[in-house]
N, C-alpha and C. Protein backbone atom coordinates (compact mmCIF):
# COMPACT_ATOMS: atom_id res chain seq x y z
N MET A 1 38.65 -3.58 -32.39
CA MET A 1 38.05 -2.33 -32.88
C MET A 1 38.57 -2.04 -34.29
N PRO A 2 37.68 -1.68 -35.22
CA PRO A 2 38.13 -1.39 -36.59
C PRO A 2 39.05 -0.19 -36.64
N THR A 3 39.91 -0.17 -37.65
CA THR A 3 40.83 0.95 -37.83
C THR A 3 40.07 2.18 -38.30
N VAL A 4 40.29 3.30 -37.61
CA VAL A 4 39.64 4.56 -37.98
C VAL A 4 40.69 5.65 -37.99
N ARG A 5 40.43 6.69 -38.77
CA ARG A 5 41.34 7.82 -38.86
C ARG A 5 40.82 8.96 -37.98
N ARG A 6 41.76 9.79 -37.54
CA ARG A 6 41.37 10.91 -36.68
C ARG A 6 40.34 11.80 -37.35
N SER A 7 40.57 12.14 -38.62
CA SER A 7 39.66 13.06 -39.31
C SER A 7 38.25 12.47 -39.41
N GLU A 8 38.17 11.16 -39.57
CA GLU A 8 36.88 10.47 -39.67
C GLU A 8 36.08 10.61 -38.38
N ILE A 9 36.75 10.41 -37.24
CA ILE A 9 36.08 10.50 -35.95
C ILE A 9 35.86 11.96 -35.57
N ALA A 10 36.83 12.82 -35.87
CA ALA A 10 36.67 14.25 -35.56
C ALA A 10 35.43 14.82 -36.23
N GLY A 11 35.15 14.34 -37.45
CA GLY A 11 33.98 14.82 -38.18
C GLY A 11 32.67 14.38 -37.58
N MET A 12 32.71 13.51 -36.57
CA MET A 12 31.51 13.07 -35.87
C MET A 12 31.28 13.81 -34.56
N ILE A 13 32.25 14.60 -34.12
CA ILE A 13 32.21 15.13 -32.76
C ILE A 13 31.70 16.57 -32.68
N ASP A 14 30.74 16.77 -31.78
CA ASP A 14 30.35 18.09 -31.31
C ASP A 14 31.01 18.26 -29.94
N HIS A 15 32.02 19.12 -29.87
CA HIS A 15 32.73 19.33 -28.60
C HIS A 15 31.85 20.18 -27.69
N ALA A 16 31.48 19.63 -26.54
CA ALA A 16 30.49 20.27 -25.66
C ALA A 16 31.16 21.13 -24.59
N LEU A 17 30.71 22.38 -24.51
CA LEU A 17 31.20 23.34 -23.51
C LEU A 17 29.98 23.93 -22.80
N LEU A 18 29.28 23.11 -22.04
CA LEU A 18 27.98 23.48 -21.49
C LEU A 18 27.92 23.51 -19.97
N LYS A 19 28.99 23.12 -19.29
CA LYS A 19 28.93 23.07 -17.83
C LYS A 19 28.72 24.48 -17.27
N PRO A 20 27.85 24.61 -16.28
CA PRO A 20 27.53 25.95 -15.77
C PRO A 20 28.70 26.67 -15.11
N THR A 21 29.71 25.92 -14.65
CA THR A 21 30.83 26.53 -13.95
C THR A 21 31.96 26.94 -14.89
N MET A 22 31.82 26.71 -16.17
CA MET A 22 32.90 27.06 -17.11
C MET A 22 33.10 28.57 -17.16
N THR A 23 34.38 28.97 -17.14
CA THR A 23 34.74 30.38 -17.23
C THR A 23 34.91 30.79 -18.69
N LYS A 24 35.09 32.09 -18.88
CA LYS A 24 35.36 32.60 -20.23
C LYS A 24 36.61 31.93 -20.80
N GLN A 25 37.63 31.77 -19.97
CA GLN A 25 38.86 31.14 -20.45
C GLN A 25 38.62 29.68 -20.82
N ASP A 26 37.76 29.00 -20.08
CA ASP A 26 37.43 27.62 -20.44
C ASP A 26 36.80 27.55 -21.83
N ILE A 27 35.93 28.52 -22.13
CA ILE A 27 35.29 28.54 -23.45
C ILE A 27 36.31 28.82 -24.54
N ILE A 28 37.19 29.77 -24.29
CA ILE A 28 38.25 30.10 -25.27
C ILE A 28 39.11 28.87 -25.52
N ASP A 29 39.56 28.23 -24.45
CA ASP A 29 40.43 27.05 -24.59
C ASP A 29 39.69 25.91 -25.29
N GLY A 30 38.41 25.74 -24.96
CA GLY A 30 37.63 24.67 -25.58
C GLY A 30 37.43 24.89 -27.07
N CYS A 31 37.19 26.14 -27.46
CA CYS A 31 37.03 26.45 -28.88
C CYS A 31 38.34 26.23 -29.63
N LYS A 32 39.45 26.59 -29.02
CA LYS A 32 40.75 26.39 -29.65
C LYS A 32 41.06 24.90 -29.79
N LEU A 33 40.67 24.12 -28.80
CA LEU A 33 40.86 22.67 -28.89
C LEU A 33 40.01 22.10 -30.03
N ALA A 34 38.76 22.56 -30.12
CA ALA A 34 37.88 22.10 -31.20
C ALA A 34 38.49 22.42 -32.57
N ASP A 35 39.07 23.60 -32.69
CA ASP A 35 39.70 23.99 -33.95
C ASP A 35 40.96 23.17 -34.21
N GLN A 36 41.72 22.90 -33.17
CA GLN A 36 42.93 22.10 -33.31
C GLN A 36 42.64 20.72 -33.91
N TYR A 37 41.56 20.10 -33.43
CA TYR A 37 41.21 18.76 -33.89
C TYR A 37 40.25 18.76 -35.07
N LYS A 38 39.79 19.95 -35.47
CA LYS A 38 38.87 20.08 -36.61
C LYS A 38 37.64 19.19 -36.46
N VAL A 39 36.99 19.33 -35.29
CA VAL A 39 35.76 18.58 -35.05
C VAL A 39 34.62 19.21 -35.86
N ALA A 40 33.48 18.55 -35.86
CA ALA A 40 32.35 19.05 -36.64
C ALA A 40 31.84 20.37 -36.09
N ALA A 41 31.68 20.44 -34.77
CA ALA A 41 31.09 21.63 -34.17
C ALA A 41 31.52 21.76 -32.72
N VAL A 42 31.35 22.97 -32.20
CA VAL A 42 31.50 23.20 -30.77
C VAL A 42 30.14 23.67 -30.26
N CYS A 43 29.67 23.04 -29.18
CA CYS A 43 28.35 23.36 -28.63
C CYS A 43 28.55 24.14 -27.34
N VAL A 44 28.18 25.43 -27.38
CA VAL A 44 28.40 26.30 -26.23
C VAL A 44 27.07 26.76 -25.64
N ARG A 45 27.15 27.34 -24.46
CA ARG A 45 25.97 27.93 -23.83
C ARG A 45 25.53 29.14 -24.65
N PRO A 46 24.24 29.46 -24.64
CA PRO A 46 23.77 30.58 -25.47
C PRO A 46 24.53 31.88 -25.26
N SER A 47 24.92 32.15 -24.02
CA SER A 47 25.63 33.39 -23.73
C SER A 47 27.06 33.41 -24.26
N ASP A 48 27.53 32.27 -24.72
CA ASP A 48 28.91 32.17 -25.22
C ASP A 48 28.99 32.11 -26.74
N VAL A 49 27.87 32.20 -27.43
CA VAL A 49 27.87 32.04 -28.89
C VAL A 49 28.72 33.11 -29.57
N VAL A 50 28.54 34.36 -29.19
CA VAL A 50 29.30 35.45 -29.83
C VAL A 50 30.79 35.23 -29.65
N LEU A 51 31.21 34.87 -28.45
CA LEU A 51 32.63 34.61 -28.18
C LEU A 51 33.13 33.45 -29.02
N ALA A 52 32.39 32.36 -29.05
CA ALA A 52 32.81 31.18 -29.82
C ALA A 52 32.92 31.50 -31.30
N LYS A 53 31.96 32.24 -31.80
CA LYS A 53 31.97 32.61 -33.23
C LYS A 53 33.19 33.46 -33.55
N GLU A 54 33.56 34.36 -32.66
CA GLU A 54 34.74 35.19 -32.89
C GLU A 54 36.01 34.35 -32.91
N ILE A 55 36.12 33.44 -31.98
CA ILE A 55 37.31 32.58 -31.91
C ILE A 55 37.42 31.69 -33.15
N LEU A 56 36.27 31.22 -33.64
CA LEU A 56 36.25 30.24 -34.73
C LEU A 56 35.90 30.86 -36.08
N LYS A 57 36.04 32.18 -36.20
CA LYS A 57 35.62 32.86 -37.43
C LYS A 57 36.38 32.40 -38.67
N ASP A 58 37.60 31.92 -38.50
CA ASP A 58 38.39 31.44 -39.63
C ASP A 58 38.52 29.92 -39.64
N SER A 59 37.65 29.25 -38.90
CA SER A 59 37.73 27.80 -38.73
C SER A 59 36.60 27.10 -39.47
N SER A 60 36.82 25.83 -39.77
CA SER A 60 35.76 25.00 -40.36
C SER A 60 34.79 24.48 -39.31
N VAL A 61 35.10 24.69 -38.03
CA VAL A 61 34.27 24.19 -36.94
C VAL A 61 33.02 25.05 -36.81
N ALA A 62 31.86 24.41 -36.86
CA ALA A 62 30.59 25.12 -36.73
C ALA A 62 30.32 25.45 -35.26
N VAL A 63 29.59 26.53 -35.04
CA VAL A 63 29.15 26.89 -33.69
C VAL A 63 27.69 26.50 -33.53
N THR A 64 27.40 25.80 -32.46
CA THR A 64 26.02 25.44 -32.14
C THR A 64 25.75 25.77 -30.68
N THR A 65 24.48 25.89 -30.35
CA THR A 65 24.09 26.11 -28.96
C THR A 65 22.83 25.32 -28.67
N VAL A 66 22.41 25.40 -27.41
CA VAL A 66 21.25 24.66 -26.94
C VAL A 66 20.05 25.59 -26.79
N ILE A 67 18.87 25.06 -27.07
CA ILE A 67 17.62 25.82 -27.00
C ILE A 67 16.66 25.10 -26.05
N GLY A 68 16.07 25.88 -25.11
CA GLY A 68 15.17 25.26 -24.14
C GLY A 68 15.89 24.29 -23.22
N PHE A 69 17.14 24.56 -22.95
CA PHE A 69 18.02 23.64 -22.22
C PHE A 69 17.88 23.85 -20.71
N PRO A 70 17.85 22.77 -19.89
CA PRO A 70 18.00 21.37 -20.29
C PRO A 70 16.70 20.56 -20.34
N HIS A 71 15.57 21.13 -19.99
CA HIS A 71 14.35 20.32 -19.86
C HIS A 71 13.28 20.60 -20.90
N GLY A 72 13.54 21.57 -21.78
CA GLY A 72 12.58 21.85 -22.85
C GLY A 72 11.30 22.50 -22.38
N MET A 73 11.30 23.07 -21.17
CA MET A 73 10.06 23.55 -20.54
C MET A 73 9.74 25.01 -20.82
N THR A 74 10.64 25.75 -21.47
CA THR A 74 10.32 27.13 -21.79
C THR A 74 9.20 27.16 -22.83
N THR A 75 8.53 28.30 -22.95
CA THR A 75 7.44 28.41 -23.91
C THR A 75 7.97 28.34 -25.34
N THR A 76 7.08 28.02 -26.24
CA THR A 76 7.46 27.97 -27.65
C THR A 76 8.02 29.32 -28.11
N GLU A 77 7.37 30.40 -27.68
CA GLU A 77 7.83 31.73 -28.07
C GLU A 77 9.26 31.99 -27.58
N CYS A 78 9.56 31.55 -26.37
CA CYS A 78 10.92 31.72 -25.85
C CYS A 78 11.93 30.88 -26.64
N LYS A 79 11.53 29.66 -26.98
CA LYS A 79 12.42 28.80 -27.76
C LYS A 79 12.72 29.43 -29.12
N VAL A 80 11.70 29.96 -29.76
CA VAL A 80 11.91 30.59 -31.07
C VAL A 80 12.80 31.81 -30.93
N PHE A 81 12.58 32.61 -29.90
CA PHE A 81 13.43 33.78 -29.67
C PHE A 81 14.87 33.36 -29.46
N GLU A 82 15.07 32.34 -28.62
CA GLU A 82 16.43 31.82 -28.39
C GLU A 82 17.06 31.39 -29.71
N ALA A 83 16.28 30.68 -30.52
CA ALA A 83 16.80 30.17 -31.80
C ALA A 83 17.19 31.31 -32.73
N VAL A 84 16.31 32.29 -32.88
CA VAL A 84 16.58 33.41 -33.78
C VAL A 84 17.80 34.19 -33.31
N GLN A 85 17.89 34.45 -32.01
CA GLN A 85 19.03 35.19 -31.48
C GLN A 85 20.34 34.40 -31.69
N ALA A 86 20.29 33.10 -31.45
CA ALA A 86 21.48 32.27 -31.63
C ALA A 86 21.95 32.29 -33.09
N ILE A 87 21.00 32.24 -34.00
CA ILE A 87 21.34 32.29 -35.42
C ILE A 87 21.94 33.65 -35.77
N GLU A 88 21.35 34.71 -35.28
CA GLU A 88 21.87 36.05 -35.53
C GLU A 88 23.28 36.21 -34.95
N ASN A 89 23.56 35.50 -33.87
CA ASN A 89 24.87 35.58 -33.23
C ASN A 89 25.91 34.66 -33.87
N GLY A 90 25.47 33.83 -34.85
CA GLY A 90 26.44 33.06 -35.61
C GLY A 90 26.32 31.55 -35.57
N CYS A 91 25.24 31.03 -35.00
CA CYS A 91 25.10 29.57 -34.95
C CYS A 91 24.69 29.00 -36.30
N ALA A 92 25.33 27.91 -36.66
CA ALA A 92 24.98 27.17 -37.88
C ALA A 92 24.13 25.95 -37.56
N GLU A 93 24.06 25.60 -36.28
CA GLU A 93 23.29 24.45 -35.82
C GLU A 93 22.67 24.78 -34.47
N LEU A 94 21.55 24.14 -34.16
CA LEU A 94 20.88 24.31 -32.88
C LEU A 94 20.50 22.95 -32.32
N ASP A 95 20.63 22.78 -31.00
CA ASP A 95 20.21 21.56 -30.32
C ASP A 95 19.05 21.92 -29.39
N VAL A 96 17.82 21.57 -29.78
CA VAL A 96 16.64 21.98 -29.02
C VAL A 96 16.07 20.80 -28.24
N VAL A 97 15.69 21.07 -26.99
CA VAL A 97 15.16 20.02 -26.13
C VAL A 97 13.65 19.91 -26.30
N ILE A 98 13.18 18.69 -26.53
CA ILE A 98 11.75 18.43 -26.58
C ILE A 98 11.14 18.78 -25.22
N ASN A 99 9.90 19.22 -25.20
CA ASN A 99 9.23 19.47 -23.92
C ASN A 99 8.90 18.11 -23.29
N ILE A 100 9.75 17.72 -22.36
CA ILE A 100 9.68 16.36 -21.82
C ILE A 100 8.35 16.09 -21.13
N GLY A 101 7.90 17.04 -20.31
CA GLY A 101 6.65 16.85 -19.59
C GLY A 101 5.46 16.73 -20.53
N ALA A 102 5.43 17.58 -21.55
CA ALA A 102 4.33 17.52 -22.52
C ALA A 102 4.35 16.19 -23.27
N HIS A 103 5.55 15.74 -23.62
CA HIS A 103 5.66 14.49 -24.36
C HIS A 103 5.18 13.32 -23.51
N LYS A 104 5.59 13.29 -22.25
CA LYS A 104 5.17 12.20 -21.36
C LYS A 104 3.69 12.29 -21.03
N SER A 105 3.10 13.48 -21.17
CA SER A 105 1.66 13.65 -20.95
C SER A 105 0.84 13.21 -22.16
N GLY A 106 1.54 12.90 -23.26
CA GLY A 106 0.82 12.51 -24.48
C GLY A 106 0.27 13.69 -25.25
N ASP A 107 0.76 14.90 -24.95
CA ASP A 107 0.28 16.09 -25.65
C ASP A 107 1.11 16.29 -26.92
N TYR A 108 0.94 15.37 -27.83
CA TYR A 108 1.79 15.33 -29.02
C TYR A 108 1.52 16.48 -29.98
N THR A 109 0.30 17.01 -29.96
CA THR A 109 0.02 18.18 -30.80
C THR A 109 0.87 19.36 -30.37
N PHE A 110 0.95 19.58 -29.06
CA PHE A 110 1.80 20.66 -28.56
C PHE A 110 3.27 20.41 -28.88
N VAL A 111 3.74 19.19 -28.62
CA VAL A 111 5.15 18.86 -28.89
C VAL A 111 5.48 19.11 -30.35
N ARG A 112 4.59 18.68 -31.23
CA ARG A 112 4.79 18.85 -32.67
C ARG A 112 4.86 20.34 -33.03
N GLN A 113 3.93 21.11 -32.53
CA GLN A 113 3.90 22.54 -32.83
C GLN A 113 5.10 23.27 -32.24
N ASP A 114 5.49 22.88 -31.05
CA ASP A 114 6.63 23.48 -30.34
C ASP A 114 7.91 23.30 -31.14
N LEU A 115 8.15 22.07 -31.57
CA LEU A 115 9.36 21.78 -32.35
C LEU A 115 9.30 22.41 -33.74
N LYS A 116 8.15 22.35 -34.36
CA LYS A 116 8.03 22.87 -35.72
C LYS A 116 8.32 24.37 -35.76
N ALA A 117 7.90 25.09 -34.73
CA ALA A 117 8.15 26.53 -34.70
C ALA A 117 9.64 26.83 -34.71
N VAL A 118 10.40 26.08 -33.93
CA VAL A 118 11.85 26.28 -33.88
C VAL A 118 12.50 25.83 -35.19
N ILE A 119 12.10 24.67 -35.67
CA ILE A 119 12.69 24.13 -36.90
C ILE A 119 12.41 25.03 -38.09
N ASP A 120 11.19 25.52 -38.19
CA ASP A 120 10.86 26.41 -39.31
C ASP A 120 11.69 27.70 -39.26
N ALA A 121 11.85 28.27 -38.06
CA ALA A 121 12.65 29.49 -37.92
C ALA A 121 14.10 29.24 -38.29
N ALA A 122 14.61 28.08 -37.92
CA ALA A 122 16.00 27.74 -38.22
C ALA A 122 16.20 27.43 -39.71
N HIS A 123 15.30 26.64 -40.26
CA HIS A 123 15.45 26.25 -41.67
C HIS A 123 15.30 27.44 -42.61
N GLU A 124 14.58 28.45 -42.18
CA GLU A 124 14.47 29.67 -42.98
C GLU A 124 15.84 30.31 -43.20
N LYS A 125 16.76 30.05 -42.24
CA LYS A 125 18.13 30.58 -42.33
C LYS A 125 19.14 29.48 -42.65
N ASN A 126 18.64 28.33 -43.12
CA ASN A 126 19.51 27.19 -43.48
C ASN A 126 20.34 26.70 -42.30
N VAL A 127 19.74 26.71 -41.12
CA VAL A 127 20.41 26.26 -39.90
C VAL A 127 19.87 24.88 -39.52
N ILE A 128 20.76 23.98 -39.17
CA ILE A 128 20.45 22.60 -38.81
C ILE A 128 19.86 22.54 -37.40
N VAL A 129 18.87 21.66 -37.21
CA VAL A 129 18.26 21.48 -35.88
C VAL A 129 18.36 20.02 -35.44
N LYS A 130 18.91 19.84 -34.24
CA LYS A 130 18.96 18.53 -33.60
C LYS A 130 17.96 18.55 -32.45
N VAL A 131 17.10 17.55 -32.39
CA VAL A 131 16.08 17.48 -31.33
C VAL A 131 16.54 16.51 -30.26
N ILE A 132 16.65 17.03 -29.04
CA ILE A 132 17.11 16.22 -27.90
C ILE A 132 15.90 15.59 -27.21
N PHE A 133 15.93 14.27 -27.06
CA PHE A 133 14.82 13.55 -26.44
C PHE A 133 14.93 13.43 -24.92
N GLU A 134 16.13 13.27 -24.39
CA GLU A 134 16.40 12.89 -22.99
C GLU A 134 15.79 11.52 -22.71
N ASN A 135 16.36 10.52 -23.37
CA ASN A 135 15.81 9.17 -23.37
C ASN A 135 15.71 8.53 -21.99
N CYS A 136 16.55 8.97 -21.05
CA CYS A 136 16.52 8.37 -19.71
C CYS A 136 15.16 8.55 -19.05
N TYR A 137 14.38 9.53 -19.50
CA TYR A 137 13.07 9.79 -18.92
C TYR A 137 11.93 9.21 -19.76
N LEU A 138 12.25 8.60 -20.88
CA LEU A 138 11.21 8.15 -21.82
C LEU A 138 11.14 6.62 -21.89
N THR A 139 9.94 6.13 -22.14
CA THR A 139 9.77 4.71 -22.44
C THR A 139 10.15 4.45 -23.90
N GLU A 140 10.24 3.18 -24.26
CA GLU A 140 10.54 2.85 -25.66
C GLU A 140 9.47 3.43 -26.59
N ASP A 141 8.22 3.29 -26.20
CA ASP A 141 7.14 3.83 -27.04
C ASP A 141 7.24 5.35 -27.18
N GLU A 142 7.64 6.02 -26.11
CA GLU A 142 7.78 7.48 -26.15
C GLU A 142 8.94 7.90 -27.04
N ILE A 143 10.00 7.11 -27.06
CA ILE A 143 11.13 7.39 -27.96
C ILE A 143 10.69 7.22 -29.41
N ILE A 144 9.96 6.16 -29.67
CA ILE A 144 9.45 5.93 -31.03
C ILE A 144 8.54 7.08 -31.46
N LYS A 145 7.65 7.51 -30.56
CA LYS A 145 6.74 8.61 -30.88
C LYS A 145 7.52 9.90 -31.14
N ALA A 146 8.57 10.15 -30.37
CA ALA A 146 9.39 11.33 -30.59
C ALA A 146 10.05 11.29 -31.97
N CYS A 147 10.49 10.11 -32.38
CA CYS A 147 11.06 9.96 -33.73
C CYS A 147 10.01 10.26 -34.79
N GLU A 148 8.81 9.77 -34.59
CA GLU A 148 7.74 9.99 -35.56
C GLU A 148 7.40 11.48 -35.68
N ILE A 149 7.39 12.17 -34.55
CA ILE A 149 7.13 13.61 -34.58
C ILE A 149 8.25 14.33 -35.31
N CYS A 150 9.47 13.94 -35.06
CA CYS A 150 10.61 14.55 -35.76
C CYS A 150 10.54 14.30 -37.26
N ASN A 151 10.06 13.13 -37.66
CA ASN A 151 9.85 12.86 -39.08
C ASN A 151 8.85 13.85 -39.68
N GLU A 152 7.81 14.14 -38.92
CA GLU A 152 6.74 15.01 -39.41
C GLU A 152 7.16 16.48 -39.50
N VAL A 153 7.99 16.93 -38.57
CA VAL A 153 8.33 18.36 -38.51
C VAL A 153 9.64 18.71 -39.20
N GLY A 154 10.32 17.70 -39.73
CA GLY A 154 11.51 17.96 -40.53
C GLY A 154 12.79 18.22 -39.76
N ALA A 155 12.94 17.56 -38.61
CA ALA A 155 14.19 17.69 -37.86
C ALA A 155 15.35 17.15 -38.69
N ASP A 156 16.54 17.68 -38.43
CA ASP A 156 17.74 17.21 -39.14
C ASP A 156 18.43 16.08 -38.39
N PHE A 157 18.31 16.10 -37.08
CA PHE A 157 18.90 15.08 -36.21
C PHE A 157 17.91 14.72 -35.11
N VAL A 158 18.01 13.50 -34.61
CA VAL A 158 17.44 13.13 -33.32
C VAL A 158 18.63 12.83 -32.40
N LYS A 159 18.49 13.25 -31.15
CA LYS A 159 19.63 13.21 -30.22
C LYS A 159 19.19 12.58 -28.90
N THR A 160 20.06 11.81 -28.30
CA THR A 160 19.70 11.02 -27.13
C THR A 160 19.46 11.82 -25.86
N SER A 161 20.35 12.76 -25.57
CA SER A 161 20.41 13.29 -24.20
C SER A 161 21.00 14.69 -24.13
N THR A 162 20.72 15.37 -23.02
CA THR A 162 21.34 16.67 -22.76
C THR A 162 22.68 16.52 -22.05
N GLY A 163 22.88 15.39 -21.39
CA GLY A 163 24.04 15.23 -20.51
C GLY A 163 23.73 15.67 -19.09
N CYS A 164 22.51 16.16 -18.86
CA CYS A 164 22.10 16.64 -17.54
C CYS A 164 21.10 15.71 -16.87
N GLY A 165 20.67 14.67 -17.57
CA GLY A 165 19.67 13.77 -17.03
C GLY A 165 20.29 12.65 -16.21
N THR A 166 19.50 11.63 -15.95
CA THR A 166 19.96 10.51 -15.12
C THR A 166 20.69 9.44 -15.93
N GLY A 167 20.73 9.60 -17.25
CA GLY A 167 21.41 8.65 -18.12
C GLY A 167 21.78 9.31 -19.42
N GLY A 168 22.58 8.60 -20.21
CA GLY A 168 23.04 9.16 -21.47
C GLY A 168 22.75 8.26 -22.65
N ALA A 169 23.69 8.21 -23.58
CA ALA A 169 23.52 7.43 -24.80
C ALA A 169 23.63 5.94 -24.52
N GLU A 170 22.63 5.20 -24.96
CA GLU A 170 22.61 3.75 -24.78
C GLU A 170 22.37 3.08 -26.13
N ASP A 171 23.04 1.94 -26.34
CA ASP A 171 22.91 1.22 -27.61
C ASP A 171 21.45 0.95 -27.96
N LYS A 172 20.68 0.47 -26.99
CA LYS A 172 19.30 0.07 -27.27
C LYS A 172 18.46 1.25 -27.77
N ASP A 173 18.70 2.42 -27.21
CA ASP A 173 17.95 3.61 -27.63
C ASP A 173 18.39 4.07 -29.01
N LEU A 174 19.69 4.01 -29.27
CA LEU A 174 20.21 4.42 -30.57
C LEU A 174 19.68 3.52 -31.68
N ILE A 175 19.56 2.24 -31.39
CA ILE A 175 19.01 1.30 -32.37
C ILE A 175 17.56 1.67 -32.70
N ILE A 176 16.79 2.00 -31.68
CA ILE A 176 15.39 2.41 -31.89
C ILE A 176 15.34 3.69 -32.70
N MET A 177 16.16 4.66 -32.33
CA MET A 177 16.14 5.96 -33.01
C MET A 177 16.52 5.81 -34.48
N ARG A 178 17.53 5.01 -34.76
CA ARG A 178 17.94 4.81 -36.15
C ARG A 178 16.86 4.06 -36.93
N LYS A 179 16.13 3.19 -36.27
CA LYS A 179 15.08 2.42 -36.95
C LYS A 179 13.87 3.28 -37.28
N TYR A 180 13.46 4.15 -36.37
CA TYR A 180 12.19 4.87 -36.53
C TYR A 180 12.32 6.28 -37.08
N ALA A 181 13.51 6.87 -37.02
CA ALA A 181 13.71 8.16 -37.69
C ALA A 181 13.91 7.91 -39.18
N LYS A 182 13.42 8.82 -40.00
CA LYS A 182 13.61 8.69 -41.44
C LYS A 182 15.09 8.57 -41.78
N PRO A 183 15.43 7.87 -42.87
CA PRO A 183 16.84 7.69 -43.22
C PRO A 183 17.60 9.01 -43.36
N GLU A 184 16.91 10.06 -43.81
CA GLU A 184 17.60 11.34 -44.01
C GLU A 184 17.81 12.10 -42.70
N ILE A 185 17.18 11.67 -41.63
CA ILE A 185 17.41 12.27 -40.32
C ILE A 185 18.59 11.55 -39.65
N GLN A 186 19.58 12.33 -39.24
CA GLN A 186 20.76 11.74 -38.63
C GLN A 186 20.54 11.54 -37.12
N VAL A 187 21.41 10.73 -36.53
CA VAL A 187 21.31 10.39 -35.11
C VAL A 187 22.56 10.89 -34.39
N LYS A 188 22.33 11.60 -33.29
CA LYS A 188 23.43 12.08 -32.45
C LYS A 188 23.36 11.41 -31.09
N ALA A 189 24.48 10.84 -30.67
CA ALA A 189 24.61 10.23 -29.35
C ALA A 189 25.27 11.23 -28.42
N SER A 190 24.66 11.44 -27.26
CA SER A 190 25.22 12.38 -26.30
C SER A 190 24.93 11.90 -24.89
N GLY A 191 25.86 12.18 -24.00
CA GLY A 191 25.70 11.75 -22.62
C GLY A 191 26.57 10.55 -22.32
N GLY A 192 27.72 10.77 -21.71
CA GLY A 192 28.61 9.67 -21.34
C GLY A 192 29.43 9.10 -22.47
N VAL A 193 29.57 9.85 -23.57
CA VAL A 193 30.37 9.36 -24.70
C VAL A 193 31.81 9.81 -24.47
N LYS A 194 32.56 8.99 -23.74
CA LYS A 194 33.87 9.42 -23.24
C LYS A 194 35.06 8.64 -23.80
N THR A 195 34.79 7.61 -24.61
CA THR A 195 35.89 6.79 -25.12
C THR A 195 35.80 6.61 -26.62
N LEU A 196 36.93 6.38 -27.24
CA LEU A 196 36.98 6.11 -28.67
C LEU A 196 36.17 4.86 -28.99
N GLU A 197 36.26 3.87 -28.14
CA GLU A 197 35.54 2.61 -28.39
C GLU A 197 34.03 2.85 -28.50
N ARG A 198 33.50 3.72 -27.64
CA ARG A 198 32.06 3.99 -27.70
C ARG A 198 31.69 4.73 -28.98
N VAL A 199 32.52 5.68 -29.37
CA VAL A 199 32.23 6.42 -30.60
C VAL A 199 32.21 5.47 -31.79
N VAL A 200 33.19 4.59 -31.86
CA VAL A 200 33.28 3.64 -32.97
C VAL A 200 32.09 2.68 -32.95
N ARG A 201 31.71 2.24 -31.75
CA ARG A 201 30.55 1.34 -31.65
C ARG A 201 29.27 2.06 -32.07
N PHE A 202 29.12 3.28 -31.66
CA PHE A 202 27.93 4.04 -32.04
C PHE A 202 27.90 4.29 -33.55
N LYS A 203 29.06 4.54 -34.12
CA LYS A 203 29.14 4.73 -35.57
C LYS A 203 28.59 3.51 -36.30
N ALA A 204 28.92 2.33 -35.79
CA ALA A 204 28.44 1.09 -36.40
C ALA A 204 26.92 0.94 -36.28
N LEU A 205 26.32 1.64 -35.31
CA LEU A 205 24.87 1.60 -35.12
C LEU A 205 24.15 2.65 -35.96
N GLY A 206 24.91 3.44 -36.72
CA GLY A 206 24.30 4.44 -37.58
C GLY A 206 24.37 5.86 -37.06
N VAL A 207 25.09 6.07 -35.97
CA VAL A 207 25.27 7.41 -35.41
C VAL A 207 26.25 8.20 -36.26
N THR A 208 25.93 9.47 -36.52
CA THR A 208 26.84 10.31 -37.31
C THR A 208 27.44 11.46 -36.51
N ARG A 209 26.88 11.75 -35.33
CA ARG A 209 27.44 12.77 -34.45
C ARG A 209 27.44 12.25 -33.02
N CYS A 210 28.44 12.72 -32.25
CA CYS A 210 28.51 12.42 -30.83
C CYS A 210 28.84 13.69 -30.07
N GLY A 211 28.08 13.96 -29.03
CA GLY A 211 28.42 15.07 -28.14
C GLY A 211 29.43 14.60 -27.13
N CYS A 212 30.57 15.28 -27.07
CA CYS A 212 31.67 14.82 -26.22
C CYS A 212 32.31 15.97 -25.45
N THR A 213 32.74 15.67 -24.23
CA THR A 213 33.62 16.57 -23.50
C THR A 213 35.05 16.04 -23.50
N ALA A 214 35.20 14.72 -23.71
CA ALA A 214 36.51 14.08 -23.68
C ALA A 214 37.14 14.03 -25.07
N THR A 215 36.96 15.10 -25.83
CA THR A 215 37.41 15.13 -27.23
C THR A 215 38.90 14.88 -27.37
N ALA A 216 39.70 15.53 -26.54
CA ALA A 216 41.16 15.38 -26.65
C ALA A 216 41.57 13.94 -26.35
N ASP A 217 40.96 13.33 -25.35
CA ASP A 217 41.30 11.93 -25.01
C ASP A 217 40.91 11.00 -26.15
N ILE A 218 39.77 11.24 -26.76
CA ILE A 218 39.29 10.38 -27.84
C ILE A 218 40.15 10.53 -29.08
N LEU A 219 40.38 11.75 -29.52
CA LEU A 219 41.10 11.99 -30.76
C LEU A 219 42.60 11.91 -30.62
N GLY A 220 43.09 12.09 -29.41
CA GLY A 220 44.53 12.03 -29.17
C GLY A 220 45.12 10.65 -29.42
N GLN A 221 44.27 9.64 -29.47
CA GLN A 221 44.73 8.26 -29.70
C GLN A 221 44.91 7.97 -31.20
N LEU A 222 44.43 8.88 -32.05
CA LEU A 222 44.36 8.56 -33.47
C LEU A 222 45.31 9.40 -34.29
N GLN A 223 45.60 8.90 -35.50
CA GLN A 223 46.41 9.63 -36.45
C GLN A 223 45.65 9.73 -37.77
N ASP A 224 45.97 10.74 -38.56
CA ASP A 224 45.38 10.87 -39.89
C ASP A 224 46.06 9.92 -40.86
């Protein structure tokens, strides 16, 4: 494995605090851990955004949340409302789930309009949007089509998974995503990213962010 520095890998990590059973103290502790390691962002449940923002108000760690989570099935209007409220509560980034059923139905006009509404609302406030595909449910052609739609609507990132599906980040999918997303669109690997070795391997595939819960285990092995 190539030599990497802690700060280099920390800058790739979105520390995920999304489990439904997490308590308020779990969120507080998770945000403090994210600040300790100076990761890129902490991804919390929508109801925890205000708390996370307060804890991290003096930190370089960005606060992000999920929109239409975990299946992307809420209406476009609900997704936009979620996005606007999250931004007002302090989010600098949003992770929005593609409408999986619509995408698999080939209703690409709806998928395009659904994502564009959220992205436009976010970009109006200079907020980054990552689009979650949930690749475990998609064919290769559907992943390619999702990349093409993201190219059209101006997504900032394409992302593999919610962590709630039947699979997570896979090399083969990341290779496809990096190939078909525009160069200026970044790639986020999420779902089962639990080791330093996987993060480093994904980095070599062109990944710039990883959603992780095992942040301390990954970064604890490294030094600046």
